[in-house]
Amino acid sequence: MKNNLIQDKSYQFSLEIIQVCKDLKINQEFILSTQLLKSGTSVGANIEEALAAFSKKDFIFRMSIAYKEARETSYWIRLLKDSGDISNKSALELLCKSQEIEKILVSILKTSKSNC
């Protein structure tokens, strides 16, 4: 099976988000960790759906949702960092990965839209 960069990166990112959320719950932070878990894993889930799209329009729609979820995830990470619930180091590593995924998704969306 051919490797897909965005599929692989979003999957690994989801695994890291899951671990961060487990750590947050150990420290009794439940509300924001749940938000982060939902949006952070939704990125990869929407990419998977896009890769199985029935049409170009469906593909673009699903990738757009993945992009929005990545942006939301960045928001929750920043909020957790600024509230002191996760370390600056962890937050910056996650933000870097989230922003990389966002950039890849923007590129995919631009290319897909120009080929319509």
N, C-alpha and C. Protein backbone atom coordinates (compact mmCIF):
# COMPACT_ATOMS: atom_id res chain seq x y z
N MET A 1 0.84 -1.18 0.00
CA MET A 1 0.00 0.00 0.00
C MET A 1 0.88 1.24 0.00
N LYS A 2 0.54 2.23 -0.81
CA LYS A 2 1.30 3.45 -0.94
C LYS A 2 1.10 4.33 0.30
N ASN A 3 2.21 4.88 0.80
CA ASN A 3 2.12 5.78 1.94
C ASN A 3 1.49 7.10 1.52
N ASN A 4 0.67 7.64 2.40
CA ASN A 4 0.02 8.92 2.17
C ASN A 4 0.47 9.85 3.29
N LEU A 5 1.18 10.90 2.95
CA LEU A 5 1.79 11.79 3.94
C LEU A 5 0.77 12.34 4.93
N ILE A 6 -0.31 12.92 4.45
CA ILE A 6 -1.28 13.53 5.35
C ILE A 6 -2.00 12.48 6.19
N GLN A 7 -2.24 11.35 5.62
CA GLN A 7 -2.88 10.25 6.35
C GLN A 7 -1.96 9.80 7.50
N ASP A 8 -0.70 9.60 7.20
CA ASP A 8 0.26 9.16 8.21
C ASP A 8 0.47 10.20 9.30
N LYS A 9 0.65 11.46 8.91
CA LYS A 9 0.88 12.53 9.88
C LYS A 9 -0.33 12.74 10.78
N SER A 10 -1.52 12.69 10.21
CA SER A 10 -2.72 12.91 11.02
C SER A 10 -2.95 11.74 11.98
N TYR A 11 -2.60 10.54 11.56
CA TYR A 11 -2.74 9.38 12.44
C TYR A 11 -1.78 9.48 13.63
N GLN A 12 -0.53 9.79 13.34
CA GLN A 12 0.46 9.94 14.42
C GLN A 12 0.09 11.09 15.35
N PHE A 13 -0.42 12.17 14.77
CA PHE A 13 -0.87 13.31 15.57
C PHE A 13 -2.00 12.89 16.51
N SER A 14 -2.94 12.10 16.00
CA SER A 14 -4.05 11.61 16.82
C SER A 14 -3.54 10.79 18.00
N LEU A 15 -2.56 9.95 17.75
CA LEU A 15 -1.98 9.15 18.83
C LEU A 15 -1.36 10.03 19.92
N GLU A 16 -0.69 11.09 19.50
CA GLU A 16 -0.08 12.01 20.47
C GLU A 16 -1.17 12.76 21.25
N ILE A 17 -2.22 13.16 20.56
CA ILE A 17 -3.33 13.85 21.23
C ILE A 17 -3.97 12.93 22.27
N ILE A 18 -4.16 11.68 21.92
CA ILE A 18 -4.74 10.72 22.86
C ILE A 18 -3.90 10.64 24.12
N GLN A 19 -2.58 10.57 23.96
CA GLN A 19 -1.70 10.47 25.13
C GLN A 19 -1.76 11.73 25.99
N VAL A 20 -1.75 12.89 25.36
CA VAL A 20 -1.84 14.15 26.10
C VAL A 20 -3.15 14.20 26.88
N CYS A 21 -4.23 13.77 26.25
CA CYS A 21 -5.54 13.79 26.92
C CYS A 21 -5.59 12.81 28.09
N LYS A 22 -4.95 11.67 27.95
CA LYS A 22 -4.86 10.73 29.08
C LYS A 22 -4.12 11.38 30.25
N ASP A 23 -3.03 12.07 29.94
CA ASP A 23 -2.26 12.75 30.98
C ASP A 23 -3.08 13.86 31.64
N LEU A 24 -3.83 14.59 30.83
CA LEU A 24 -4.66 15.67 31.37
C LEU A 24 -5.73 15.12 32.31
N LYS A 25 -6.31 14.00 31.94
CA LYS A 25 -7.35 13.41 32.79
C LYS A 25 -6.78 12.89 34.11
N ILE A 26 -5.56 12.40 34.08
CA ILE A 26 -4.89 11.98 35.32
C ILE A 26 -4.76 13.19 36.26
N ASN A 27 -4.51 14.35 35.65
CA ASN A 27 -4.37 15.59 36.43
C ASN A 27 -5.71 16.29 36.67
N GLN A 28 -6.79 15.56 36.47
CA GLN A 28 -8.14 16.06 36.77
C GLN A 28 -8.62 17.18 35.85
N GLU A 29 -8.09 17.27 34.65
CA GLU A 29 -8.59 18.25 33.68
C GLU A 29 -9.44 17.48 32.67
N PHE A 30 -10.74 17.63 32.77
CA PHE A 30 -11.65 16.82 31.96
C PHE A 30 -12.30 17.58 30.81
N ILE A 31 -12.68 18.82 31.01
CA ILE A 31 -13.46 19.54 30.01
C ILE A 31 -12.63 19.86 28.78
N LEU A 32 -11.52 20.56 28.96
CA LEU A 32 -10.70 20.92 27.81
C LEU A 32 -10.05 19.70 27.16
N SER A 33 -9.70 18.70 27.97
CA SER A 33 -9.09 17.50 27.40
C SER A 33 -10.07 16.78 26.49
N THR A 34 -11.35 16.79 26.84
CA THR A 34 -12.37 16.17 25.99
C THR A 34 -12.50 16.92 24.67
N GLN A 35 -12.47 18.25 24.74
CA GLN A 35 -12.55 19.06 23.52
C GLN A 35 -11.34 18.78 22.61
N LEU A 36 -10.17 18.73 23.22
CA LEU A 36 -8.94 18.46 22.47
C LEU A 36 -8.99 17.08 21.84
N LEU A 37 -9.44 16.10 22.60
CA LEU A 37 -9.52 14.73 22.08
C LEU A 37 -10.46 14.65 20.88
N LYS A 38 -11.60 15.30 20.97
CA LYS A 38 -12.58 15.27 19.87
C LYS A 38 -12.03 15.92 18.61
N SER A 39 -11.51 17.13 18.74
CA SER A 39 -11.03 17.82 17.54
C SER A 39 -9.74 17.20 17.01
N GLY A 40 -8.84 16.83 17.91
CA GLY A 40 -7.54 16.29 17.49
C GLY A 40 -7.64 14.97 16.75
N THR A 41 -8.56 14.12 17.16
CA THR A 41 -8.73 12.84 16.45
C THR A 41 -9.65 12.97 15.24
N SER A 42 -10.46 14.01 15.24
CA SER A 42 -11.36 14.24 14.11
C SER A 42 -10.60 14.62 12.83
N VAL A 43 -9.44 15.23 13.00
CA VAL A 43 -8.63 15.60 11.83
C VAL A 43 -8.37 14.35 10.97
N GLY A 44 -7.79 13.35 11.59
CA GLY A 44 -7.47 12.12 10.87
C GLY A 44 -8.70 11.38 10.38
N ALA A 45 -9.76 11.40 11.18
CA ALA A 45 -10.99 10.72 10.78
C ALA A 45 -11.57 11.34 9.51
N ASN A 46 -11.55 12.66 9.43
CA ASN A 46 -12.07 13.32 8.24
C ASN A 46 -11.17 13.13 7.03
N ILE A 47 -9.88 13.03 7.25
CA ILE A 47 -8.96 12.73 6.15
C ILE A 47 -9.24 11.32 5.62
N GLU A 48 -9.46 10.38 6.52
CA GLU A 48 -9.81 9.02 6.10
C GLU A 48 -11.09 9.02 5.26
N GLU A 49 -12.09 9.78 5.71
CA GLU A 49 -13.33 9.88 4.95
C GLU A 49 -13.09 10.51 3.58
N ALA A 50 -12.25 11.52 3.54
CA ALA A 50 -11.95 12.18 2.27
C ALA A 50 -11.29 11.21 1.29
N LEU A 51 -10.41 10.38 1.80
CA LEU A 51 -9.72 9.43 0.93
C LEU A 51 -10.65 8.37 0.35
N ALA A 52 -11.82 8.24 0.95
CA ALA A 52 -12.83 7.30 0.44
C ALA A 52 -14.01 8.05 -0.19
N ALA A 53 -13.78 9.30 -0.55
CA ALA A 53 -14.86 10.14 -1.09
C ALA A 53 -15.41 9.58 -2.40
N PHE A 54 -16.69 9.85 -2.61
CA PHE A 54 -17.37 9.39 -3.82
C PHE A 54 -17.23 10.39 -4.97
N SER A 55 -16.82 11.60 -4.66
CA SER A 55 -16.69 12.63 -5.69
C SER A 55 -15.63 13.63 -5.28
N LYS A 56 -15.21 14.44 -6.22
CA LYS A 56 -14.24 15.50 -5.94
C LYS A 56 -14.83 16.50 -4.94
N LYS A 57 -16.10 16.80 -5.10
CA LYS A 57 -16.78 17.73 -4.20
C LYS A 57 -16.79 17.17 -2.77
N ASP A 58 -17.08 15.90 -2.62
CA ASP A 58 -17.07 15.25 -1.31
C ASP A 58 -15.66 15.26 -0.72
N PHE A 59 -14.66 14.99 -1.55
CA PHE A 59 -13.26 15.01 -1.11
C PHE A 59 -12.89 16.39 -0.55
N ILE A 60 -13.22 17.43 -1.30
CA ILE A 60 -12.91 18.79 -0.88
C ILE A 60 -13.65 19.14 0.41
N PHE A 61 -14.90 18.73 0.50
CA PHE A 61 -15.69 18.99 1.69
C PHE A 61 -15.06 18.35 2.92
N ARG A 62 -14.68 17.08 2.82
CA ARG A 62 -14.10 16.36 3.96
C ARG A 62 -12.73 16.93 4.35
N MET A 63 -11.92 17.26 3.35
CA MET A 63 -10.62 17.86 3.64
C MET A 63 -10.78 19.23 4.28
N SER A 64 -11.81 19.96 3.89
CA SER A 64 -12.10 21.26 4.50
C SER A 64 -12.46 21.10 5.96
N ILE A 65 -13.25 20.08 6.27
CA ILE A 65 -13.60 19.81 7.66
C ILE A 65 -12.34 19.43 8.45
N ALA A 66 -11.48 18.62 7.86
CA ALA A 66 -10.22 18.23 8.53
C ALA A 66 -9.40 19.48 8.84
N TYR A 67 -9.35 20.42 7.90
CA TYR A 67 -8.61 21.67 8.11
C TYR A 67 -9.20 22.45 9.28
N LYS A 68 -10.53 22.57 9.30
CA LYS A 68 -11.19 23.30 10.39
C LYS A 68 -10.93 22.63 11.74
N GLU A 69 -10.95 21.31 11.76
CA GLU A 69 -10.68 20.58 13.00
C GLU A 69 -9.23 20.79 13.46
N ALA A 70 -8.31 20.86 12.52
CA ALA A 70 -6.91 21.11 12.87
C ALA A 70 -6.75 22.49 13.49
N ARG A 71 -7.45 23.47 12.92
CA ARG A 71 -7.42 24.83 13.50
C ARG A 71 -8.03 24.84 14.90
N GLU A 72 -9.14 24.14 15.06
CA GLU A 72 -9.76 24.07 16.38
C GLU A 72 -8.82 23.40 17.38
N THR A 73 -8.14 22.37 16.95
CA THR A 73 -7.19 21.67 17.81
C THR A 73 -6.09 22.62 18.27
N SER A 74 -5.59 23.44 17.36
CA SER A 74 -4.57 24.42 17.72
C SER A 74 -5.10 25.38 18.78
N TYR A 75 -6.34 25.76 18.65
CA TYR A 75 -6.96 26.64 19.64
C TYR A 75 -6.95 26.01 21.03
N TRP A 76 -7.40 24.74 21.12
CA TRP A 76 -7.44 24.06 22.42
C TRP A 76 -6.05 23.89 23.01
N ILE A 77 -5.07 23.62 22.16
CA ILE A 77 -3.69 23.47 22.63
C ILE A 77 -3.20 24.79 23.21
N ARG A 78 -3.44 25.89 22.50
CA ARG A 78 -3.03 27.20 22.99
C ARG A 78 -3.72 27.52 24.32
N LEU A 79 -4.98 27.21 24.41
CA LEU A 79 -5.73 27.47 25.64
C LEU A 79 -5.18 26.66 26.81
N LEU A 80 -4.89 25.39 26.55
CA LEU A 80 -4.32 24.53 27.59
C LEU A 80 -2.94 25.02 28.02
N LYS A 81 -2.16 25.49 27.07
CA LYS A 81 -0.83 26.03 27.38
C LYS A 81 -0.96 27.29 28.22
N ASP A 82 -1.78 28.21 27.78
CA ASP A 82 -1.90 29.49 28.47
C ASP A 82 -2.57 29.37 29.84
N SER A 83 -3.35 28.32 30.04
CA SER A 83 -3.97 28.10 31.34
C SER A 83 -3.06 27.30 32.28
N GLY A 84 -1.92 26.84 31.75
CA GLY A 84 -0.96 26.11 32.56
C GLY A 84 -1.25 24.62 32.70
N ASP A 85 -2.20 24.12 31.92
CA ASP A 85 -2.55 22.70 32.03
C ASP A 85 -1.58 21.78 31.29
N ILE A 86 -0.88 22.31 30.28
CA ILE A 86 0.19 21.54 29.63
C ILE A 86 1.42 22.44 29.53
N SER A 87 2.57 21.82 29.48
CA SER A 87 3.81 22.59 29.44
C SER A 87 3.97 23.32 28.12
N ASN A 88 4.75 24.38 28.16
CA ASN A 88 5.05 25.13 26.94
C ASN A 88 5.70 24.23 25.90
N LYS A 89 6.61 23.37 26.35
CA LYS A 89 7.33 22.47 25.43
C LYS A 89 6.36 21.53 24.72
N SER A 90 5.48 20.88 25.47
CA SER A 90 4.50 19.96 24.87
C SER A 90 3.58 20.71 23.93
N ALA A 91 3.13 21.87 24.38
CA ALA A 91 2.21 22.66 23.56
C ALA A 91 2.87 23.08 22.25
N LEU A 92 4.10 23.55 22.31
CA LEU A 92 4.78 24.00 21.10
C LEU A 92 5.02 22.85 20.12
N GLU A 93 5.34 21.68 20.65
CA GLU A 93 5.53 20.51 19.79
C GLU A 93 4.22 20.15 19.08
N LEU A 94 3.13 20.14 19.85
CA LEU A 94 1.82 19.82 19.26
C LEU A 94 1.37 20.89 18.28
N LEU A 95 1.59 22.16 18.63
CA LEU A 95 1.20 23.25 17.73
C LEU A 95 1.97 23.18 16.42
N CYS A 96 3.24 22.86 16.50
CA CYS A 96 4.06 22.73 15.29
C CYS A 96 3.50 21.64 14.38
N LYS A 97 3.13 20.52 14.96
CA LYS A 97 2.58 19.41 14.18
C LYS A 97 1.20 19.75 13.63
N SER A 98 0.40 20.41 14.44
CA SER A 98 -0.93 20.80 13.98
C SER A 98 -0.84 21.80 12.83
N GLN A 99 0.05 22.77 12.96
CA GLN A 99 0.22 23.76 11.90
C GLN A 99 0.80 23.15 10.63
N GLU A 100 1.65 22.16 10.78
CA GLU A 100 2.18 21.45 9.60
C GLU A 100 1.03 20.74 8.87
N ILE A 101 0.17 20.10 9.64
CA ILE A 101 -1.00 19.42 9.04
C ILE A 101 -1.90 20.44 8.37
N GLU A 102 -2.12 21.57 9.00
CA GLU A 102 -2.94 22.63 8.41
C GLU A 102 -2.37 23.07 7.06
N LYS A 103 -1.06 23.28 7.01
CA LYS A 103 -0.42 23.72 5.77
C LYS A 103 -0.56 22.68 4.66
N ILE A 104 -0.40 21.42 5.01
CA ILE A 104 -0.56 20.36 4.01
C ILE A 104 -2.01 20.33 3.51
N LEU A 105 -2.95 20.47 4.43
CA LEU A 105 -4.36 20.46 4.03
C LEU A 105 -4.71 21.65 3.14
N VAL A 106 -4.17 22.82 3.44
CA VAL A 106 -4.39 23.99 2.59
C VAL A 106 -3.86 23.73 1.20
N SER A 107 -2.69 23.13 1.12
CA SER A 107 -2.10 22.81 -0.18
C SER A 107 -2.97 21.82 -0.95
N ILE A 108 -3.45 20.79 -0.26
CA ILE A 108 -4.32 19.80 -0.89
C ILE A 108 -5.60 20.47 -1.39
N LEU A 109 -6.18 21.33 -0.56
CA LEU A 109 -7.43 21.99 -0.94
C LEU A 109 -7.23 22.92 -2.13
N LYS A 110 -6.13 23.69 -2.14
CA LYS A 110 -5.86 24.59 -3.27
C LYS A 110 -5.71 23.80 -4.57
N THR A 111 -4.94 22.73 -4.51
CA THR A 111 -4.74 21.90 -5.69
C THR A 111 -6.05 21.27 -6.15
N SER A 112 -6.81 20.76 -5.22
CA SER A 112 -8.08 20.09 -5.55
C SER A 112 -9.08 21.06 -6.15
N LYS A 113 -9.14 22.26 -5.60
CA LYS A 113 -10.09 23.26 -6.09
C LYS A 113 -9.69 23.78 -7.46
N SER A 114 -8.38 23.88 -7.72
CA SER A 114 -7.92 24.38 -9.02
C SER A 114 -8.11 23.35 -10.13
N ASN A 115 -8.27 22.08 -9.74
CA ASN A 115 -8.44 21.01 -10.73
C ASN A 115 -9.91 20.68 -10.99
N CYS A 116 -10.80 21.49 -10.45
CA CYS A 116 -12.24 21.21 -10.64
C CYS A 116 -12.74 21.62 -12.00
